[in-house]
Amino acid sequence: MSNRKMLKSRRAISGAVTALILVIASVIIALVVVGFAFGLFGAFGGTPTVTQVGTGTISPGSSNNCATSTFVLKSSGNVQIVSAIIVGTTYSGTPTTIDLTAGPNTVTITFNGFTPQAGSTYTISLGLSDGATVQVAVVAQ
C-alpha cells in the first residue's frame, strides 16, 4: 500500500470539532480568571482576608461607664473575632466571639468602663480565630 493511500485511510479530528474544543477551553479559562479577579473563589482559598470598610464610630453607651463601637468589616471567608482591645489601653470588648461571613459585616462591640473623648480617633485591635490581627479605626461621637 502506498503512503498516499495510508494517509487517506487515517481519520483525523475535523476542523470544526477542533475549533469547538478550543472555544470551550477558552471560555472555561476566562471564567476562572474572572472568578479569581473578582474574589468569587476567595472562600475556597486559605485564610480569609479581613479589612475595614470606611471609618467606624465609638459612642458612650446608655450608662456613662461603657462605650459602644460600630464598624464594617469585609471578609473573604468565614472567620471569628475572638478578642478586641482598644490600643494603648487595657479595655477589652464584649462579646468575645463574633462570627464574620464572606462579604460585608456590621460589627458592634461594647467596651465596659471606657468613656471616649468626642472627636478623638481610637484604634481597636481585633484578634481573629485564624491567628490574624486586624486594626480598626473608630471616631468618638
Protein backbone atom coordinates (compact mmCIF):
# COMPACT_ATOMS: atom_id res chain seq x y z
CA MET A 1 0.00 0.00 0.00
CA SER A 2 1.40 3.39 -0.92
CA ASN A 3 1.92 6.23 1.56
CA ARG A 4 -0.88 8.27 -0.03
CA LYS A 5 -3.45 5.57 0.49
CA MET A 6 -2.36 5.10 4.14
CA LEU A 7 -2.72 8.80 4.86
CA LYS A 8 -6.19 8.90 3.31
CA SER A 9 -7.34 5.90 5.30
CA ARG A 10 -6.44 7.52 8.65
CA ARG A 11 -9.16 9.70 10.10
CA ALA A 12 -8.34 12.96 11.90
CA ILE A 13 -10.45 15.26 14.02
CA SER A 14 -12.30 17.66 11.79
CA GLY A 15 -11.53 21.38 11.90
CA ALA A 16 -14.97 22.20 13.30
CA VAL A 17 -14.57 19.85 16.27
CA THR A 18 -11.11 21.25 16.99
CA ALA A 19 -12.44 24.81 16.89
CA LEU A 20 -15.31 23.89 19.23
CA ILE A 21 -12.91 22.34 21.76
CA LEU A 22 -10.71 25.46 21.68
CA VAL A 23 -13.70 27.78 22.19
CA ILE A 24 -14.96 25.75 25.17
CA ALA A 25 -11.48 25.69 26.74
CA SER A 26 -11.12 29.46 26.23
CA VAL A 27 -14.48 30.17 27.89
CA ILE A 28 -13.60 27.99 30.91
CA ILE A 29 -10.22 29.71 31.32
CA ALA A 30 -11.85 33.15 31.04
CA LEU A 31 -14.45 32.27 33.71
CA VAL A 32 -11.76 31.05 36.12
CA VAL A 33 -9.68 34.22 35.61
CA VAL A 34 -12.72 36.48 36.13
CA GLY A 35 -13.72 34.48 39.22
CA PHE A 36 -10.35 34.99 40.85
CA ALA A 37 -10.14 38.64 39.76
CA PHE A 38 -13.43 39.49 41.48
CA GLY A 39 -12.76 37.32 44.54
CA LEU A 40 -15.54 34.85 43.83
CA PHE A 41 -13.32 31.94 44.84
CA GLY A 42 -11.90 33.63 47.94
CA ALA A 43 -13.88 31.40 50.30
CA PHE A 44 -12.17 28.32 48.82
CA GLY A 45 -8.66 29.62 49.46
CA GLY A 46 -6.59 29.58 52.62
CA THR A 47 -7.13 32.03 55.44
CA PRO A 48 -9.71 34.75 54.80
CA THR A 49 -8.72 38.37 54.36
CA VAL A 50 -10.49 40.85 56.66
CA THR A 51 -10.40 44.61 56.01
CA GLN A 52 -12.27 47.60 57.40
CA VAL A 53 -14.72 49.48 55.18
CA GLY A 54 -14.77 53.20 55.96
CA THR A 55 -14.27 54.51 59.49
CA GLY A 56 -16.26 53.24 62.44
CA THR A 57 -17.72 55.10 65.39
CA ILE A 58 -17.47 54.73 69.14
CA SER A 59 -20.10 56.33 71.36
CA PRO A 60 -20.83 56.48 75.07
CA GLY A 61 -23.30 53.76 75.99
CA SER A 62 -26.56 54.09 77.88
CA SER A 63 -24.56 54.22 81.09
CA ASN A 64 -21.54 56.50 81.44
CA ASN A 65 -19.38 53.52 82.26
CA CYS A 66 -19.26 51.93 78.79
CA ALA A 67 -18.75 52.70 75.11
CA THR A 68 -20.20 51.01 72.03
CA SER A 69 -18.20 50.82 68.81
CA THR A 70 -19.73 50.04 65.43
CA PHE A 71 -17.81 49.43 62.19
CA VAL A 72 -18.00 47.44 58.96
CA LEU A 73 -15.56 44.66 58.10
CA LYS A 74 -15.30 42.98 54.71
CA SER A 75 -14.22 39.35 54.86
CA SER A 76 -13.28 36.98 52.05
CA GLY A 77 -14.44 33.97 54.07
CA ASN A 78 -15.77 32.73 57.39
CA VAL A 79 -13.77 33.65 60.49
CA GLN A 80 -14.48 34.74 64.08
CA ILE A 81 -13.42 37.77 66.08
CA VAL A 82 -12.16 36.26 69.34
CA SER A 83 -10.78 39.37 71.04
CA ALA A 84 -11.00 43.15 70.86
CA ILE A 85 -8.91 45.70 72.72
CA ILE A 86 -8.58 49.48 72.42
CA VAL A 87 -4.91 50.05 71.55
CA GLY A 88 -3.00 51.88 74.27
CA THR A 89 -5.49 50.90 76.98
CA THR A 90 -6.46 47.81 78.94
CA TYR A 91 -10.11 47.95 77.83
CA SER A 92 -11.28 44.79 76.09
CA GLY A 93 -14.58 44.38 74.31
CA THR A 94 -17.56 42.09 74.79
CA PRO A 95 -18.91 39.79 73.45
CA THR A 96 -15.68 37.90 72.96
CA THR A 97 -16.75 35.90 69.86
CA ILE A 98 -18.32 37.41 66.74
CA ASP A 99 -18.85 35.45 63.51
CA LEU A 100 -17.83 37.07 60.22
CA THR A 101 -19.07 35.66 56.92
CA ALA A 102 -17.87 36.36 53.38
CA GLY A 103 -18.80 39.90 52.35
CA PRO A 104 -19.54 43.00 54.44
CA ASN A 105 -20.32 42.54 58.15
CA THR A 106 -21.52 45.22 60.58
CA VAL A 107 -19.82 44.64 63.93
CA THR A 108 -20.83 46.13 67.29
CA ILE A 109 -18.58 45.76 70.34
CA THR A 110 -19.13 47.18 73.83
CA PHE A 111 -16.19 48.30 75.97
CA ASN A 112 -17.13 48.36 79.67
CA GLY A 113 -15.51 51.04 81.80
CA PHE A 114 -14.34 53.13 78.81
CA THR A 115 -15.50 56.69 78.16
CA PRO A 116 -14.45 58.02 74.72
CA GLN A 117 -13.50 61.68 74.22
CA ALA A 118 -15.68 63.23 71.47
CA GLY A 119 -13.77 63.83 68.23
CA SER A 120 -10.89 61.53 69.16
CA THR A 121 -9.84 58.65 66.92
CA TYR A 122 -9.18 55.28 68.54
CA THR A 123 -7.66 52.11 67.15
CA ILE A 124 -9.20 48.78 68.07
CA SER A 125 -7.09 45.66 67.64
CA LEU A 126 -9.17 42.61 66.71
CA GLY A 127 -7.87 39.08 67.16
CA LEU A 128 -9.26 36.55 64.69
CA SER A 129 -9.77 32.82 65.08
CA ASP A 130 -7.16 32.11 62.38
CA GLY A 131 -4.49 33.95 64.39
CA ALA A 132 -4.53 37.15 62.33
CA THR A 133 -4.89 40.63 63.83
CA VAL A 134 -6.89 43.46 62.24
CA GLN A 135 -6.60 47.12 63.23
CA VAL A 136 -9.85 49.12 63.09
CA ALA A 137 -10.15 52.93 63.28
CA VAL A 138 -13.14 54.45 65.10
CA VAL A 139 -14.03 58.09 65.76
CA ALA A 140 -15.67 59.08 69.05
CA GLN A 141 -19.09 60.70 68.72
